[in-house]
Amino acid sequence: MEHILIIEESMLGERLDKLLSVAFPQFSRSQIQLLCQNGKISINDNIVQKNTKFKLGDRIVITEDEPQETEILPENIPLDIVYEDNDLLVVNKPKGMVVHPAVGNYTGTLVNALLYHCKGSLSGINGVIRPGIVHRIDKNTSGLLIVAKNDVAHRGLAEQIKTHSFERKYSAIVHGSFKEDSFTIDAPIGRNPRDRKKMCVTTLNSRNAVTHIKVLSSSKGFSYVECTLETGRTHQIRVHMAYKGHPVAGDDVYCTFKNDLKNTMGQCLHARHIGFVHPITQEHLSFTSDLPEYFKDLLAKLSLE
């Protein structure tokens, strides 16, 4: 796999490792340096080092080894299936379950459970690591997730997400109170250049992100809100709420408040509602998931019911 960058005037004077880590945010500066050491980066077909100078119009190529496919095994893990037919299913994912395997985490995921339940009948568009997965929710976010059983259904659902006709509403408990009953956060999200495991609001190598917020109640320094996604960026609700100074309660990545609830309750974010047009039958389907017990208990404790 090759990643190609043509040097423009605005790039002149930068260190090569810094420039490439910004241009290709999937790589850290240390990864770029390692690729240089291994002869995986060239300028005009000449292998370079991290401090090599470049000039206007130079063609820089990063040659990345193709990832090795890892066999993902079916596992008999119970699933809370809300709906299922020959083309798709809707699953109510518990908090703490990872959606698909990743490095160091190849078992116990939703995909492992789906492979067992569906007996291999899952769409293959996203490869062996993410069969059937049309959209994702975080490990510590609970709630509804749609899974495609074939490629036709997958493409139809993905197109609805792309055109923003796929309905996704989340319930969240966040810090602070609000002056408005409803508002919209329209702020682009990209990789955090200071910590590549995090996302942040940024204009650098970012994608547009829009979240609509409805405030349901406020009490004791917290608010109960409904978040409707117009776009679906990684960690979107968590990043947007933290950006506005109202991080999700229990979020151990984006919430730094001393009075947070992370040590007792965990992340208070639940994918409560999804709605979409069935990609085969064209019937409109809508599903709503009850809040988890810990979420209900916390609403009562904070008088946010």
Protein backbone atom coordinates (compact mmCIF):
# COMPACT_ATOMS: atom_id res chain seq x y z
CA MET A 1 0.00 0.00 0.00
CA GLU A 2 1.41 3.41 -1.00
CA HIS A 3 0.70 6.86 0.45
CA ILE A 4 1.79 9.69 -1.87
CA LEU A 5 2.43 13.35 -1.05
CA ILE A 6 3.47 16.06 -3.54
CA ILE A 7 5.37 18.90 -1.84
CA GLU A 8 3.65 22.27 -2.01
CA GLU A 9 5.14 25.65 -1.14
CA SER A 10 3.42 25.79 2.27
CA MET A 11 5.24 22.57 3.27
CA LEU A 12 8.77 23.82 2.66
CA GLY A 13 10.99 24.14 5.72
CA GLU A 14 9.24 21.42 7.76
CA ARG A 15 10.98 18.34 9.14
CA LEU A 16 10.12 15.32 7.04
CA ASP A 17 8.82 13.21 9.96
CA LYS A 18 6.62 16.04 11.23
CA LEU A 19 5.29 16.84 7.77
CA LEU A 20 4.35 13.24 7.01
CA SER A 21 2.73 12.62 10.39
CA VAL A 22 0.48 15.64 9.76
CA ALA A 23 -0.26 14.73 6.14
CA PHE A 24 -1.00 11.11 7.09
CA PRO A 25 -2.48 11.17 10.63
CA GLN A 26 -2.63 7.36 10.81
CA PHE A 27 1.16 7.49 11.37
CA SER A 28 2.87 8.99 14.41
CA ARG A 29 6.23 10.75 14.08
CA SER A 30 7.97 7.77 15.68
CA GLN A 31 6.30 5.47 13.14
CA ILE A 32 7.46 7.70 10.30
CA GLN A 33 11.01 7.61 11.68
CA LEU A 34 10.87 3.82 11.86
CA LEU A 35 9.60 3.63 8.28
CA CYS A 36 12.53 5.82 7.24
CA GLN A 37 14.98 3.51 9.00
CA ASN A 38 13.43 0.52 7.24
CA GLY A 39 13.71 2.14 3.79
CA LYS A 40 9.95 2.49 3.37
CA ILE A 41 9.95 6.21 2.43
CA SER A 42 11.29 7.65 -0.79
CA ILE A 43 11.59 11.04 -2.48
CA ASN A 44 11.47 10.87 -6.27
CA ASP A 45 12.17 7.11 -5.99
CA ASN A 46 15.25 7.62 -3.79
CA ILE A 47 15.22 6.12 -0.26
CA VAL A 48 15.44 8.87 2.39
CA GLN A 49 16.21 9.40 6.08
CA LYS A 50 14.13 11.40 8.58
CA ASN A 51 16.23 14.57 8.18
CA THR A 52 16.40 14.49 4.36
CA LYS A 53 15.65 17.86 2.74
CA PHE A 54 12.96 18.17 0.10
CA LYS A 55 11.95 20.82 -2.43
CA LEU A 56 8.86 22.10 -4.20
CA GLY A 57 7.24 19.47 -6.39
CA ASP A 58 9.05 16.50 -4.85
CA ARG A 59 7.04 13.26 -4.79
CA ILE A 60 7.20 11.51 -1.43
CA VAL A 61 5.98 7.93 -1.18
CA ILE A 62 5.39 5.90 1.98
CA THR A 63 5.28 2.18 1.22
CA GLU A 64 3.28 0.42 3.91
CA ASP A 65 3.27 -3.36 4.18
CA GLU A 66 -0.14 -4.88 3.66
CA PRO A 67 -1.65 -5.91 7.02
CA GLN A 68 -1.73 -9.62 7.66
CA GLU A 69 -5.20 -11.05 7.93
CA THR A 70 -5.91 -12.61 11.31
CA GLU A 71 -8.36 -15.47 11.69
CA ILE A 72 -11.27 -14.35 13.81
CA LEU A 73 -13.02 -17.27 15.48
CA PRO A 74 -16.75 -17.62 16.27
CA GLU A 75 -17.54 -17.56 19.99
CA ASN A 76 -20.76 -18.58 21.72
CA ILE A 77 -21.37 -15.24 23.43
CA PRO A 78 -25.00 -14.35 24.25
CA LEU A 79 -26.44 -11.50 22.16
CA ASP A 80 -29.41 -9.22 22.91
CA ILE A 81 -30.98 -9.24 19.42
CA VAL A 82 -33.73 -6.66 19.00
CA TYR A 83 -34.57 -7.52 15.38
CA GLU A 84 -33.38 -10.01 12.76
CA ASP A 85 -34.27 -11.08 9.22
CA ASN A 86 -32.39 -12.58 6.25
CA ASP A 87 -30.56 -9.33 5.47
CA LEU A 88 -29.73 -7.62 8.76
CA LEU A 89 -30.02 -7.66 12.51
CA VAL A 90 -30.15 -5.02 15.24
CA VAL A 91 -28.18 -5.78 18.40
CA ASN A 92 -28.36 -4.12 21.81
CA LYS A 93 -24.66 -4.04 22.76
CA PRO A 94 -23.75 -3.99 26.46
CA LYS A 95 -21.26 -1.50 27.87
CA GLY A 96 -17.78 -3.00 28.00
CA MET A 97 -18.01 -5.09 24.82
CA VAL A 98 -15.65 -4.18 21.97
CA VAL A 99 -17.38 -4.14 18.56
CA HIS A 100 -14.64 -5.68 16.42
CA PRO A 101 -11.21 -7.25 17.01
CA ALA A 102 -8.07 -5.13 17.05
CA VAL A 103 -4.42 -5.61 17.93
CA GLY A 104 -4.18 -7.38 21.28
CA ASN A 105 -7.92 -7.90 21.46
CA TYR A 106 -9.08 -10.69 19.15
CA THR A 107 -11.61 -12.46 21.37
CA GLY A 108 -14.77 -11.61 23.27
CA THR A 109 -15.90 -8.99 20.74
CA LEU A 110 -19.28 -8.45 19.12
CA VAL A 111 -17.86 -9.77 15.84
CA ASN A 112 -16.80 -13.03 17.51
CA ALA A 113 -20.36 -13.43 18.79
CA LEU A 114 -21.89 -12.52 15.41
CA LEU A 115 -19.75 -15.08 13.58
CA TYR A 116 -21.16 -17.78 15.86
CA HIS A 117 -24.76 -16.57 15.70
CA CYS A 118 -24.89 -15.91 11.95
CA LYS A 119 -22.83 -18.97 10.95
CA GLY A 120 -20.68 -16.91 8.59
CA SER A 121 -23.61 -15.12 6.92
CA LEU A 122 -22.27 -11.56 7.24
CA SER A 123 -21.32 -8.91 4.69
CA GLY A 124 -17.67 -8.92 3.68
CA ILE A 125 -17.26 -5.28 2.63
CA ASN A 126 -15.16 -4.36 5.67
CA GLY A 127 -12.98 -7.48 5.54
CA VAL A 128 -12.43 -10.34 7.96
CA ILE A 129 -11.86 -8.10 10.98
CA ARG A 130 -15.20 -6.29 10.70
CA PRO A 131 -17.69 -8.58 8.91
CA GLY A 132 -21.19 -7.14 8.88
CA ILE A 133 -20.23 -3.99 10.77
CA VAL A 134 -21.91 -0.97 9.15
CA HIS A 135 -21.29 1.49 11.99
CA ARG A 136 -19.64 1.28 15.39
CA ILE A 137 -20.13 2.43 18.95
CA ASP A 138 -17.40 2.68 21.58
CA LYS A 139 -16.51 -0.13 23.94
CA ASN A 140 -17.96 1.73 26.92
CA THR A 141 -21.05 2.96 25.08
CA SER A 142 -24.08 0.70 25.27
CA GLY A 143 -27.02 0.46 22.90
CA LEU A 144 -28.26 -0.27 19.41
CA LEU A 145 -26.06 -1.32 16.52
CA ILE A 146 -27.11 -2.52 13.07
CA VAL A 147 -25.34 -5.44 11.36
CA ALA A 148 -25.55 -6.38 7.65
CA LYS A 149 -25.77 -10.03 6.65
CA ASN A 150 -24.88 -9.46 2.99
CA ASP A 151 -23.12 -6.89 0.83
CA VAL A 152 -26.31 -5.55 -0.80
CA ALA A 153 -27.81 -4.71 2.59
CA HIS A 154 -24.48 -3.25 3.74
CA ARG A 155 -24.23 -0.89 0.76
CA GLY A 156 -27.82 0.26 1.19
CA LEU A 157 -27.35 1.02 4.88
CA ALA A 158 -23.99 2.70 4.32
CA GLU A 159 -25.55 4.99 1.72
CA GLN A 160 -28.21 6.09 4.22
CA ILE A 161 -25.50 6.94 6.74
CA LYS A 162 -23.60 8.86 4.06
CA THR A 163 -26.68 10.91 3.12
CA HIS A 164 -27.63 11.51 6.79
CA SER A 165 -31.01 9.77 6.49
CA PHE A 166 -30.02 7.09 9.05
CA GLU A 167 -31.49 8.12 12.44
CA ARG A 168 -29.21 7.80 15.49
CA LYS A 169 -30.15 9.23 18.88
CA TYR A 170 -28.10 8.82 22.06
CA SER A 171 -28.94 9.44 25.71
CA ALA A 172 -26.17 10.95 27.83
CA ILE A 173 -25.51 12.37 31.26
CA VAL A 174 -23.07 15.25 30.99
CA HIS A 175 -21.45 17.74 33.32
CA GLY A 176 -22.99 21.17 33.90
CA SER A 177 -26.22 22.90 32.91
CA PHE A 178 -27.26 24.77 29.77
CA LYS A 179 -28.85 28.13 28.99
CA GLU A 180 -30.59 26.73 25.91
CA ASP A 181 -33.03 23.84 25.66
CA SER A 182 -31.59 22.76 22.31
CA PHE A 183 -28.60 23.64 20.15
CA THR A 184 -26.29 22.25 17.48
CA ILE A 185 -22.55 21.61 17.68
CA ASP A 186 -20.96 21.98 14.24
CA ALA A 187 -17.22 21.47 14.72
CA PRO A 188 -14.79 19.34 12.65
CA ILE A 189 -13.12 16.35 14.30
CA GLY A 190 -9.70 14.85 13.60
CA ARG A 191 -6.88 12.98 15.30
CA ASN A 192 -5.37 14.81 18.29
CA PRO A 193 -1.80 15.69 17.22
CA ARG A 194 -0.61 15.56 20.85
CA ASP A 195 -2.17 12.19 21.65
CA ARG A 196 -2.95 10.03 18.66
CA LYS A 197 -5.21 7.72 20.66
CA LYS A 198 -7.62 10.64 21.08
CA MET A 199 -9.77 12.69 18.74
CA CYS A 200 -10.31 16.44 19.05
CA VAL A 201 -12.02 19.41 17.43
CA THR A 202 -9.51 20.64 14.86
CA THR A 203 -9.26 22.00 11.33
CA LEU A 204 -6.13 19.93 10.65
CA ASN A 205 -6.81 16.74 8.67
CA SER A 206 -10.35 16.70 10.02
CA ARG A 207 -13.84 15.85 8.81
CA ASN A 208 -17.01 17.83 9.41
CA ALA A 209 -19.01 16.71 12.44
CA VAL A 210 -22.50 17.81 13.48
CA THR A 211 -24.36 16.86 16.68
CA HIS A 212 -27.81 18.14 17.65
CA ILE A 213 -28.41 18.44 21.41
CA LYS A 214 -31.71 18.50 23.29
CA VAL A 215 -31.56 19.15 27.03
CA LEU A 216 -34.07 16.99 28.92
CA SER A 217 -33.29 17.99 32.52
CA SER A 218 -30.57 19.47 34.76
CA SER A 219 -29.81 18.96 38.45
CA LYS A 220 -26.92 18.80 40.92
CA GLY A 221 -24.31 19.94 38.41
CA PHE A 222 -25.29 17.45 35.69
CA SER A 223 -27.67 17.35 32.72
CA TYR A 224 -29.56 14.61 30.96
CA VAL A 225 -29.42 15.19 27.20
CA GLU A 226 -30.45 13.60 23.93
CA CYS A 227 -27.81 13.72 21.18
CA THR A 228 -28.81 13.23 17.56
CA LEU A 229 -26.00 12.45 15.15
CA GLU A 230 -26.02 14.10 11.74
CA THR A 231 -22.56 12.69 11.05
CA GLY A 232 -20.80 9.73 12.65
CA ARG A 233 -17.18 10.51 13.47
CA THR A 234 -15.04 8.55 15.91
CA HIS A 235 -15.93 9.54 19.51
CA GLN A 236 -18.11 12.34 18.08
CA ILE A 237 -20.50 12.93 20.98
CA ARG A 238 -17.77 12.56 23.60
CA VAL A 239 -15.46 14.97 21.77
CA HIS A 240 -18.17 17.53 21.03
CA MET A 241 -19.49 17.59 24.58
CA ALA A 242 -15.98 17.92 26.06
CA TYR A 243 -15.23 20.69 23.52
CA LYS A 244 -18.26 22.61 24.82
CA GLY A 245 -17.15 22.14 28.44
CA HIS A 246 -19.80 19.52 29.19
CA PRO A 247 -18.00 16.17 28.97
CA VAL A 248 -19.92 12.91 29.27
CA ALA A 249 -19.99 11.73 32.87
CA GLY A 250 -17.73 8.75 33.44
CA ASP A 251 -15.70 9.29 30.27
CA ASP A 252 -12.19 8.32 31.31
CA VAL A 253 -10.62 9.76 28.14
CA TYR A 254 -12.19 13.17 27.55
CA CYS A 255 -13.47 14.12 31.01
CA THR A 256 -10.92 15.56 33.46
CA PHE A 257 -13.37 16.99 36.02
CA LYS A 258 -12.53 16.12 39.63
CA ASN A 259 -16.21 15.52 40.47
CA ASP A 260 -16.61 12.98 37.65
CA LEU A 261 -18.34 9.65 38.18
CA LYS A 262 -15.87 7.44 36.33
CA ASN A 263 -14.87 5.51 39.44
CA THR A 264 -18.42 4.45 40.30
CA MET A 265 -20.65 4.31 37.26
CA GLY A 266 -18.64 4.28 34.06
CA GLN A 267 -19.39 6.16 30.87
CA CYS A 268 -22.97 7.45 30.71
CA LEU A 269 -23.68 7.25 26.98
CA HIS A 270 -26.32 4.98 25.46
CA ALA A 271 -27.26 4.52 21.78
CA ARG A 272 -30.99 4.56 22.45
CA HIS A 273 -32.66 4.88 19.04
CA ILE A 274 -31.98 4.01 15.42
CA GLY A 275 -34.25 4.38 12.39
CA PHE A 276 -33.64 3.49 8.76
CA VAL A 277 -35.20 2.24 5.55
CA HIS A 278 -34.72 -1.50 5.09
CA PRO A 279 -32.31 -1.73 2.15
CA ILE A 280 -34.18 -4.68 0.59
CA THR A 281 -37.88 -4.29 1.50
CA GLN A 282 -37.80 -0.45 1.62
CA GLU A 283 -39.84 -0.58 4.84
CA HIS A 284 -39.00 2.07 7.43
CA LEU A 285 -37.81 0.44 10.66
CA SER A 286 -37.37 2.13 14.02
CA PHE A 287 -36.01 0.72 17.28
CA THR A 288 -35.58 2.09 20.80
CA SER A 289 -33.56 0.50 23.61
CA ASP A 290 -34.29 0.84 27.31
CA LEU A 291 -31.63 2.60 29.35
CA PRO A 292 -29.30 0.25 31.25
CA GLU A 293 -30.03 -0.13 34.96
CA TYR A 294 -26.88 1.74 36.04
CA PHE A 295 -27.98 4.66 33.84
CA LYS A 296 -31.49 4.71 35.36
CA ASP A 297 -30.05 4.51 38.87
CA LEU A 298 -27.78 7.47 38.20
CA LEU A 299 -30.66 9.54 36.77
CA ALA A 300 -32.58 8.90 39.98
CA LYS A 301 -29.56 9.65 42.18
CA LEU A 302 -29.01 12.99 40.41
CA SER A 303 -32.74 13.81 40.28
CA LEU A 304 -32.60 13.91 36.46
CA GLU A 305 -35.53 11.59 35.74
